[in-house]
């Protein structure tokens, strides 16, 4: 789970909404 959180922080800094949405979808699948 830490890797997902770190990737999410990186994507927020890059402000790429598409990548953030993709990660959120992947996060839901893991849960």
PDB file of N, CA and C in Angstrom:
ATOM      1  N   UNK A   1       0.831  -1.215   0.000  1.00  0.00           N
ATOM      2  CA  UNK A   1       0.000   0.000   0.000  1.00  0.00           C
ATOM      3  C   UNK A   1       0.862   1.261   0.000  1.00  0.00           C
ATOM      4  N   UNK A   2       2.016   1.217   0.642  1.00  0.00           N
ATOM      5  CA  UNK A   2       2.887   2.405   0.690  1.00  0.00           C
ATOM      6  C   UNK A   2       3.315   2.850  -0.706  1.00  0.00           C
ATOM      7  N   UNK A   3       3.572   1.874  -1.570  1.00  0.00           N
ATOM      8  CA  UNK A   3       4.001   2.211  -2.939  1.00  0.00           C
ATOM      9  C   UNK A   3       2.917   3.000  -3.663  1.00  0.00           C
ATOM     10  N   UNK A   4       1.662   2.610  -3.439  1.00  0.00           N
ATOM     11  CA  UNK A   4       0.549   3.317  -4.087  1.00  0.00           C
ATOM     12  C   UNK A   4       0.460   4.745  -3.569  1.00  0.00           C
ATOM     13  N   UNK A   5       0.615   4.915  -2.263  1.00  0.00           N
ATOM     14  CA  UNK A   5       0.552   6.261  -1.670  1.00  0.00           C
ATOM     15  C   UNK A   5       1.680   7.131  -2.204  1.00  0.00           C
ATOM     16  N   UNK A   6       2.887   6.572  -2.279  1.00  0.00           N
ATOM     17  CA  UNK A   6       4.031   7.335  -2.798  1.00  0.00           C
ATOM     18  C   UNK A   6       3.827   7.710  -4.268  1.00  0.00           C
ATOM     19  N   UNK A   7       3.315   6.782  -5.048  1.00  0.00           N
ATOM     20  CA  UNK A   7       3.058   7.060  -6.469  1.00  0.00           C
ATOM     21  C   UNK A   7       2.005   8.147  -6.611  1.00  0.00           C
ATOM     22  N   UNK A   8       1.003   8.108  -5.711  1.00  0.00           N
ATOM     23  CA  UNK A   8      -0.053   9.111  -5.761  1.00  0.00           C
ATOM     24  C   UNK A   8       0.502  10.500  -5.460  1.00  0.00           C
ATOM     25  N   UNK A   9       1.410  10.575  -4.474  1.00  0.00           N
ATOM     26  CA  UNK A   9       2.040  11.864  -4.139  1.00  0.00           C
ATOM     27  C   UNK A   9       2.839  12.393  -5.322  1.00  0.00           C
ATOM     28  N   UNK A  10       3.571  11.488  -5.995  1.00  0.00           N
ATOM     29  CA  UNK A  10       4.364  11.888  -7.158  1.00  0.00           C
ATOM     30  C   UNK A  10       3.463  12.422  -8.260  1.00  0.00           C
ATOM     31  N   UNK A  11       2.342  11.742  -8.481  1.00  0.00           N
ATOM     32  CA  UNK A  11       1.428  12.162  -9.539  1.00  0.00           C
ATOM     33  C   UNK A  11       0.774  13.490  -9.197  1.00  0.00           C
ATOM     34  N   UNK A  12       0.540  13.735  -7.911  1.00  0.00           N
ATOM     35  CA  UNK A  12      -0.042  15.019  -7.522  1.00  0.00           C
ATOM     36  C   UNK A  12       0.925  16.152  -7.841  1.00  0.00           C
ATOM     37  N   UNK A  13       2.202  15.927  -7.586  1.00  0.00           N
ATOM     38  CA  UNK A  13       3.218  16.944  -7.886  1.00  0.00           C
ATOM     39  C   UNK A  13       3.279  17.198  -9.389  1.00  0.00           C
ATOM     40  N   UNK A  14       3.132  16.152 -10.175  1.00  0.00           N
ATOM     41  CA  UNK A  14       3.165  16.285 -11.633  1.00  0.00           C
ATOM     42  C   UNK A  14       1.834  16.844 -12.150  1.00  0.00           C
ATOM     43  N   UNK A  15       0.828  16.819 -11.285  1.00  0.00           N
ATOM     44  CA  UNK A  15      -0.524  17.313 -11.620  1.00  0.00           C
ATOM     45  C   UNK A  15      -1.045  16.713 -12.917  1.00  0.00           C
ATOM     46  N   UNK A  16      -0.902  15.389 -13.028  1.00  0.00           N
ATOM     47  CA  UNK A  16      -1.431  14.685 -14.197  1.00  0.00           C
ATOM     48  C   UNK A  16      -2.683  13.937 -13.750  1.00  0.00           C
ATOM     49  N   UNK A  17      -3.829  14.507 -14.044  1.00  0.00           N
ATOM     50  CA  UNK A  17      -5.101  13.957 -13.564  1.00  0.00           C
ATOM     51  C   UNK A  17      -5.353  12.545 -14.075  1.00  0.00           C
ATOM     52  N   UNK A  18      -4.923  12.264 -15.302  1.00  0.00           N
ATOM     53  CA  UNK A  18      -5.172  10.936 -15.867  1.00  0.00           C
ATOM     54  C   UNK A  18      -4.468   9.861 -15.043  1.00  0.00           C
ATOM     55  N   UNK A  19      -3.216  10.114 -14.676  1.00  0.00           N
ATOM     56  CA  UNK A  19      -2.470   9.121 -13.894  1.00  0.00           C
ATOM     57  C   UNK A  19      -3.082   8.954 -12.510  1.00  0.00           C
ATOM     58  N   UNK A  20      -3.533  10.041 -11.914  1.00  0.00           N
ATOM     59  CA  UNK A  20      -4.159   9.961 -10.589  1.00  0.00           C
ATOM     60  C   UNK A  20      -5.438   9.133 -10.666  1.00  0.00           C
ATOM     61  N   UNK A  21      -6.245   9.365 -11.689  1.00  0.00           N
ATOM     62  CA  UNK A  21      -7.476   8.598 -11.856  1.00  0.00           C
ATOM     63  C   UNK A  21      -7.170   7.116 -12.060  1.00  0.00           C
ATOM     64  N   UNK A  22      -6.113   6.827 -12.829  1.00  0.00           N
ATOM     65  CA  UNK A  22      -5.724   5.439 -13.071  1.00  0.00           C
ATOM     66  C   UNK A  22      -5.305   4.769 -11.764  1.00  0.00           C
ATOM     67  N   UNK A  23      -4.544   5.501 -10.937  1.00  0.00           N
ATOM     68  CA  UNK A  23      -4.101   4.950  -9.666  1.00  0.00           C
ATOM     69  C   UNK A  23      -5.275   4.737  -8.722  1.00  0.00           C
ATOM     70  N   UNK A  24      -6.221   5.652  -8.717  1.00  0.00           N
ATOM     71  CA  UNK A  24      -7.394   5.487  -7.863  1.00  0.00           C
ATOM     72  C   UNK A  24      -8.169   4.238  -8.264  1.00  0.00           C
ATOM     73  N   UNK A  25      -8.290   3.993  -9.551  1.00  0.00           N
ATOM     74  CA  UNK A  25      -8.980   2.797 -10.044  1.00  0.00           C
ATOM     75  C   UNK A  25      -8.216   1.540  -9.623  1.00  0.00           C
ATOM     76  N   UNK A  26      -6.895   1.580  -9.727  1.00  0.00           N
ATOM     77  CA  UNK A  26      -6.073   0.439  -9.333  1.00  0.00           C
ATOM     78  C   UNK A  26      -6.181   0.206  -7.830  1.00  0.00           C
ATOM     79  N   UNK A  27      -6.253   1.289  -7.059  1.00  0.00           N
ATOM     80  CA  UNK A  27      -6.383   1.199  -5.614  1.00  0.00           C
ATOM     81  C   UNK A  27      -7.693   0.504  -5.240  1.00  0.00           C
ATOM     82  N   UNK A  28      -8.764   0.844  -5.905  1.00  0.00           N
ATOM     83  CA  UNK A  28     -10.067   0.230  -5.632  1.00  0.00           C
ATOM     84  C   UNK A  28     -10.025  -1.260  -5.954  1.00  0.00           C
ATOM     85  N   UNK A  29      -9.334  -1.636  -7.019  1.00  0.00           N
ATOM     86  CA  UNK A  29      -9.250  -3.053  -7.384  1.00  0.00           C
ATOM     87  C   UNK A  29      -8.490  -3.844  -6.322  1.00  0.00           C
ATOM     88  N   UNK A  30      -7.450  -3.230  -5.743  1.00  0.00           N
ATOM     89  CA  UNK A  30      -6.682  -3.917  -4.699  1.00  0.00           C
ATOM     90  C   UNK A  30      -7.505  -4.096  -3.432  1.00  0.00           C
ATOM     91  N   UNK A  31      -8.386  -3.160  -3.161  1.00  0.00           N
ATOM     92  CA  UNK A  31      -9.240  -3.258  -1.963  1.00  0.00           C
ATOM     93  C   UNK A  31     -10.381  -4.228  -2.263  1.00  0.00           C
TER      94      UNK A  31
END
